[in-house]
Amino acid sequence: MTNAVVGLVTCSSRSEARKIARALLTKKRAACVNILGGLESHYWWRGQLETAREFLLLIKTTRPKMGSVTSAVKAAHSYEVPEVIFVNVVEGERNYLEWISKSVR
């Protein structure tokens, strides 16, 4: 396993996604953030089945930065309970993984 993780965060709008991405990158909490549009999310909220159009952030960072990424997302996010999930990167191209680590120092 590597030190790299990918964070997943859904946002209500492209402008919110851009605001969060910029906050993470400016403070060197992430090496790269991709914004994927056109998501249709289906989920349970307060006992009701809901549907929403959302934007997904793919946040490339490291395990030591997970706490600060979570804090930054919660501070800038419009949702009462924002999705903040991290997935371990088991393997990857060595130079890319080194770039992630160097970018968030």
N, C-alpha and C. Protein backbone atom coordinates (compact mmCIF):
# COMPACT_ATOMS: atom_id res chain seq x y z
N MET A 1 0.84 -1.19 0.00
CA MET A 1 0.00 0.00 0.00
C MET A 1 0.88 1.25 0.00
N THR A 2 0.38 2.28 -0.65
CA THR A 2 1.11 3.53 -0.74
C THR A 2 0.60 4.51 0.32
N ASN A 3 1.18 5.68 0.36
CA ASN A 3 0.75 6.75 1.26
C ASN A 3 -0.36 7.59 0.62
N ALA A 4 -0.63 7.35 -0.65
CA ALA A 4 -1.62 8.14 -1.39
C ALA A 4 -3.03 7.66 -1.12
N VAL A 5 -3.97 8.62 -1.14
CA VAL A 5 -5.40 8.32 -1.05
C VAL A 5 -6.14 9.19 -2.06
N VAL A 6 -7.34 8.76 -2.40
CA VAL A 6 -8.23 9.55 -3.23
C VAL A 6 -9.45 9.85 -2.39
N GLY A 7 -9.76 11.14 -2.25
CA GLY A 7 -10.94 11.57 -1.52
C GLY A 7 -12.10 11.76 -2.47
N LEU A 8 -13.27 11.37 -2.04
CA LEU A 8 -14.50 11.53 -2.81
C LEU A 8 -15.43 12.48 -2.06
N VAL A 9 -15.84 13.55 -2.73
CA VAL A 9 -16.74 14.55 -2.13
C VAL A 9 -17.75 14.95 -3.19
N THR A 10 -19.04 14.86 -2.86
CA THR A 10 -20.07 15.34 -3.78
C THR A 10 -20.46 16.76 -3.38
N CYS A 11 -20.78 17.57 -4.40
CA CYS A 11 -21.13 18.98 -4.20
C CYS A 11 -22.43 19.28 -4.93
N SER A 12 -23.12 20.31 -4.46
CA SER A 12 -24.42 20.66 -5.02
C SER A 12 -24.33 21.44 -6.33
N SER A 13 -23.19 22.05 -6.60
CA SER A 13 -23.05 22.86 -7.82
C SER A 13 -21.59 22.88 -8.28
N ARG A 14 -21.40 23.26 -9.52
CA ARG A 14 -20.04 23.38 -10.05
C ARG A 14 -19.27 24.49 -9.31
N SER A 15 -19.96 25.57 -8.99
CA SER A 15 -19.27 26.67 -8.29
C SER A 15 -18.82 26.23 -6.90
N GLU A 16 -19.64 25.47 -6.19
CA GLU A 16 -19.23 24.95 -4.89
C GLU A 16 -18.05 24.00 -5.04
N ALA A 17 -18.10 23.13 -6.03
CA ALA A 17 -17.00 22.20 -6.29
C ALA A 17 -15.70 22.95 -6.57
N ARG A 18 -15.78 23.99 -7.37
CA ARG A 18 -14.59 24.79 -7.68
C ARG A 18 -14.06 25.51 -6.45
N LYS A 19 -14.95 26.03 -5.61
CA LYS A 19 -14.55 26.72 -4.40
C LYS A 19 -13.80 25.76 -3.46
N ILE A 20 -14.31 24.55 -3.30
CA ILE A 20 -13.66 23.58 -2.42
C ILE A 20 -12.33 23.13 -3.02
N ALA A 21 -12.31 22.87 -4.32
CA ALA A 21 -11.06 22.47 -4.98
C ALA A 21 -9.99 23.53 -4.80
N ARG A 22 -10.34 24.79 -5.01
CA ARG A 22 -9.39 25.89 -4.87
C ARG A 22 -8.87 25.98 -3.43
N ALA A 23 -9.76 25.82 -2.45
CA ALA A 23 -9.35 25.87 -1.04
C ALA A 23 -8.36 24.76 -0.72
N LEU A 24 -8.60 23.57 -1.23
CA LEU A 24 -7.70 22.44 -0.97
C LEU A 24 -6.35 22.63 -1.63
N LEU A 25 -6.35 23.12 -2.85
CA LEU A 25 -5.11 23.30 -3.60
C LEU A 25 -4.29 24.47 -3.06
N THR A 26 -4.95 25.55 -2.72
CA THR A 26 -4.26 26.74 -2.23
C THR A 26 -3.48 26.45 -0.96
N LYS A 27 -4.05 25.64 -0.08
CA LYS A 27 -3.40 25.31 1.20
C LYS A 27 -2.53 24.05 1.10
N LYS A 28 -2.32 23.55 -0.12
CA LYS A 28 -1.50 22.35 -0.36
C LYS A 28 -2.01 21.13 0.40
N ARG A 29 -3.32 21.02 0.51
CA ARG A 29 -3.93 19.84 1.12
C ARG A 29 -4.15 18.75 0.09
N ALA A 30 -4.10 19.13 -1.19
CA ALA A 30 -4.28 18.18 -2.29
C ALA A 30 -3.30 18.51 -3.41
N ALA A 31 -2.90 17.48 -4.13
CA ALA A 31 -2.02 17.66 -5.29
C ALA A 31 -2.85 17.96 -6.54
N CYS A 32 -4.03 17.39 -6.61
CA CYS A 32 -4.89 17.53 -7.79
C CYS A 32 -6.33 17.28 -7.35
N VAL A 33 -7.26 18.01 -7.95
CA VAL A 33 -8.68 17.78 -7.72
C VAL A 33 -9.38 17.77 -9.07
N ASN A 34 -10.04 16.67 -9.39
CA ASN A 34 -10.85 16.58 -10.60
C ASN A 34 -12.30 16.85 -10.22
N ILE A 35 -13.02 17.56 -11.10
CA ILE A 35 -14.44 17.82 -10.90
C ILE A 35 -15.20 17.10 -12.01
N LEU A 36 -16.03 16.16 -11.61
CA LEU A 36 -16.84 15.40 -12.56
C LEU A 36 -18.29 15.86 -12.44
N GLY A 37 -18.88 16.27 -13.56
CA GLY A 37 -20.26 16.73 -13.57
C GLY A 37 -21.20 15.67 -14.10
N GLY A 38 -22.48 15.99 -14.07
CA GLY A 38 -23.48 15.09 -14.65
C GLY A 38 -23.86 13.92 -13.77
N LEU A 39 -23.53 13.99 -12.47
CA LEU A 39 -23.91 12.91 -11.57
C LEU A 39 -25.38 13.02 -11.18
N GLU A 40 -26.01 11.89 -11.08
CA GLU A 40 -27.35 11.82 -10.52
C GLU A 40 -27.26 10.94 -9.30
N SER A 41 -27.46 11.51 -8.13
CA SER A 41 -27.32 10.78 -6.88
C SER A 41 -28.70 10.41 -6.33
N HIS A 42 -28.81 9.20 -5.83
CA HIS A 42 -30.02 8.70 -5.18
C HIS A 42 -29.61 8.25 -3.79
N TYR A 43 -30.31 8.73 -2.76
CA TYR A 43 -29.88 8.46 -1.40
C TYR A 43 -31.03 8.65 -0.41
N TRP A 44 -30.82 8.10 0.79
CA TRP A 44 -31.76 8.30 1.89
C TRP A 44 -31.35 9.52 2.68
N TRP A 45 -32.31 10.39 3.00
CA TRP A 45 -32.05 11.54 3.86
C TRP A 45 -33.28 11.80 4.72
N ARG A 46 -33.10 11.68 6.01
CA ARG A 46 -34.16 11.91 7.00
C ARG A 46 -35.41 11.08 6.70
N GLY A 47 -35.17 9.81 6.38
CA GLY A 47 -36.26 8.87 6.16
C GLY A 47 -36.93 8.95 4.81
N GLN A 48 -36.41 9.82 3.92
CA GLN A 48 -37.00 9.99 2.59
C GLN A 48 -35.97 9.62 1.52
N LEU A 49 -36.46 8.99 0.46
CA LEU A 49 -35.61 8.71 -0.68
C LEU A 49 -35.50 9.97 -1.52
N GLU A 50 -34.27 10.44 -1.74
CA GLU A 50 -34.02 11.70 -2.44
C GLU A 50 -33.23 11.46 -3.73
N THR A 51 -33.30 12.43 -4.62
CA THR A 51 -32.52 12.43 -5.86
C THR A 51 -31.97 13.84 -6.05
N ALA A 52 -30.71 13.91 -6.51
CA ALA A 52 -30.11 15.23 -6.73
C ALA A 52 -29.08 15.16 -7.85
N ARG A 53 -28.93 16.29 -8.55
CA ARG A 53 -27.83 16.46 -9.50
C ARG A 53 -26.64 16.95 -8.70
N GLU A 54 -25.49 16.33 -8.88
CA GLU A 54 -24.32 16.70 -8.09
C GLU A 54 -23.06 16.69 -8.95
N PHE A 55 -22.01 17.21 -8.35
CA PHE A 55 -20.67 17.21 -8.94
C PHE A 55 -19.76 16.46 -7.98
N LEU A 56 -18.90 15.61 -8.52
CA LEU A 56 -18.02 14.79 -7.70
C LEU A 56 -16.59 15.30 -7.77
N LEU A 57 -15.99 15.50 -6.60
CA LEU A 57 -14.57 15.84 -6.52
C LEU A 57 -13.78 14.55 -6.31
N LEU A 58 -12.72 14.38 -7.10
CA LEU A 58 -11.73 13.31 -6.89
C LEU A 58 -10.48 14.03 -6.41
N ILE A 59 -10.16 13.85 -5.15
CA ILE A 59 -9.08 14.59 -4.49
C ILE A 59 -7.88 13.69 -4.30
N LYS A 60 -6.77 14.00 -4.94
CA LYS A 60 -5.54 13.23 -4.79
C LYS A 60 -4.69 13.85 -3.70
N THR A 61 -4.46 13.08 -2.63
CA THR A 61 -3.70 13.59 -1.50
C THR A 61 -3.01 12.42 -0.79
N THR A 62 -2.57 12.66 0.44
CA THR A 62 -1.89 11.61 1.21
C THR A 62 -2.65 11.35 2.52
N ARG A 63 -2.38 10.20 3.12
CA ARG A 63 -3.05 9.85 4.38
C ARG A 63 -2.86 10.91 5.47
N PRO A 64 -1.64 11.47 5.63
CA PRO A 64 -1.50 12.49 6.68
C PRO A 64 -2.37 13.74 6.45
N LYS A 65 -2.81 13.99 5.23
CA LYS A 65 -3.61 15.18 4.92
C LYS A 65 -5.12 14.95 5.04
N MET A 66 -5.53 13.72 5.32
CA MET A 66 -6.97 13.42 5.33
C MET A 66 -7.75 14.29 6.32
N GLY A 67 -7.22 14.48 7.51
CA GLY A 67 -7.92 15.30 8.50
C GLY A 67 -8.09 16.74 8.07
N SER A 68 -7.04 17.31 7.50
CA SER A 68 -7.13 18.71 7.07
C SER A 68 -8.02 18.86 5.84
N VAL A 69 -8.05 17.84 4.97
CA VAL A 69 -8.97 17.87 3.83
C VAL A 69 -10.41 17.84 4.34
N THR A 70 -10.68 16.94 5.28
CA THR A 70 -12.03 16.84 5.84
C THR A 70 -12.46 18.15 6.48
N SER A 71 -11.59 18.75 7.26
CA SER A 71 -11.92 20.03 7.92
C SER A 71 -12.21 21.12 6.90
N ALA A 72 -11.38 21.20 5.86
CA ALA A 72 -11.57 22.23 4.83
C ALA A 72 -12.88 22.02 4.07
N VAL A 73 -13.19 20.78 3.75
CA VAL A 73 -14.45 20.49 3.04
C VAL A 73 -15.63 20.89 3.91
N LYS A 74 -15.63 20.49 5.16
CA LYS A 74 -16.75 20.80 6.06
C LYS A 74 -16.91 22.32 6.23
N ALA A 75 -15.81 23.06 6.27
CA ALA A 75 -15.87 24.51 6.44
C ALA A 75 -16.47 25.22 5.23
N ALA A 76 -16.27 24.65 4.04
CA ALA A 76 -16.69 25.33 2.81
C ALA A 76 -17.96 24.75 2.18
N HIS A 77 -18.45 23.63 2.69
CA HIS A 77 -19.53 22.89 2.05
C HIS A 77 -20.91 23.38 2.49
N SER A 78 -21.87 23.28 1.58
CA SER A 78 -23.24 23.71 1.89
C SER A 78 -24.07 22.61 2.55
N TYR A 79 -23.66 21.36 2.43
CA TYR A 79 -24.44 20.26 3.00
C TYR A 79 -24.26 20.18 4.51
N GLU A 80 -25.33 19.81 5.19
CA GLU A 80 -25.27 19.57 6.64
C GLU A 80 -24.31 18.41 6.96
N VAL A 81 -24.37 17.38 6.12
CA VAL A 81 -23.49 16.22 6.28
C VAL A 81 -22.83 15.93 4.93
N PRO A 82 -21.72 16.59 4.63
CA PRO A 82 -21.07 16.36 3.34
C PRO A 82 -20.43 14.97 3.27
N GLU A 83 -20.46 14.41 2.07
CA GLU A 83 -19.75 13.15 1.83
C GLU A 83 -18.26 13.44 1.78
N VAL A 84 -17.51 12.80 2.64
CA VAL A 84 -16.05 12.87 2.60
C VAL A 84 -15.56 11.45 2.85
N ILE A 85 -15.14 10.79 1.79
CA ILE A 85 -14.69 9.40 1.86
C ILE A 85 -13.31 9.31 1.24
N PHE A 86 -12.44 8.53 1.86
CA PHE A 86 -11.09 8.32 1.33
C PHE A 86 -10.90 6.86 0.96
N VAL A 87 -10.25 6.64 -0.18
CA VAL A 87 -9.94 5.31 -0.67
C VAL A 87 -8.42 5.20 -0.78
N ASN A 88 -7.86 4.14 -0.21
CA ASN A 88 -6.42 3.93 -0.29
C ASN A 88 -6.00 3.61 -1.72
N VAL A 89 -4.87 4.16 -2.13
CA VAL A 89 -4.26 3.81 -3.41
C VAL A 89 -3.30 2.66 -3.11
N VAL A 90 -3.63 1.48 -3.58
CA VAL A 90 -2.83 0.29 -3.29
C VAL A 90 -1.54 0.31 -4.09
N GLU A 91 -1.62 0.72 -5.33
CA GLU A 91 -0.46 0.72 -6.22
C GLU A 91 -0.65 1.84 -7.23
N GLY A 92 0.45 2.34 -7.78
CA GLY A 92 0.37 3.39 -8.78
C GLY A 92 1.73 3.64 -9.41
N GLU A 93 1.74 4.43 -10.44
CA GLU A 93 2.99 4.77 -11.11
C GLU A 93 3.86 5.56 -10.13
N ARG A 94 5.08 5.11 -9.94
CA ARG A 94 5.98 5.64 -8.91
C ARG A 94 6.16 7.15 -9.00
N ASN A 95 6.42 7.67 -10.19
CA ASN A 95 6.64 9.11 -10.34
C ASN A 95 5.39 9.92 -9.99
N TYR A 96 4.23 9.41 -10.34
CA TYR A 96 2.98 10.10 -10.02
C TYR A 96 2.76 10.13 -8.51
N LEU A 97 2.99 9.01 -7.85
CA LEU A 97 2.82 8.94 -6.40
C LEU A 97 3.80 9.86 -5.68
N GLU A 98 5.03 9.95 -6.18
CA GLU A 98 6.00 10.87 -5.60
C GLU A 98 5.56 12.32 -5.80
N TRP A 99 4.99 12.62 -6.97
CA TRP A 99 4.50 13.97 -7.25
C TRP A 99 3.40 14.36 -6.26
N ILE A 100 2.49 13.42 -5.98
CA ILE A 100 1.43 13.71 -5.00
C ILE A 100 2.06 14.08 -3.66
N SER A 101 2.98 13.25 -3.18
CA SER A 101 3.63 13.50 -1.88
C SER A 101 4.34 14.84 -1.84
N LYS A 102 5.09 15.15 -2.88
CA LYS A 102 5.83 16.41 -2.93
C LYS A 102 4.89 17.62 -3.01
N SER A 103 3.77 17.46 -3.68
CA SER A 103 2.84 18.57 -3.89
C SER A 103 2.10 19.00 -2.64
N VAL A 104 1.97 18.11 -1.67
CA VAL A 104 1.19 18.43 -0.46
C VAL A 104 2.08 18.69 0.76
N ARG A 105 3.38 18.78 0.56
CA ARG A 105 4.29 19.06 1.68
C ARG A 105 4.20 20.50 2.11
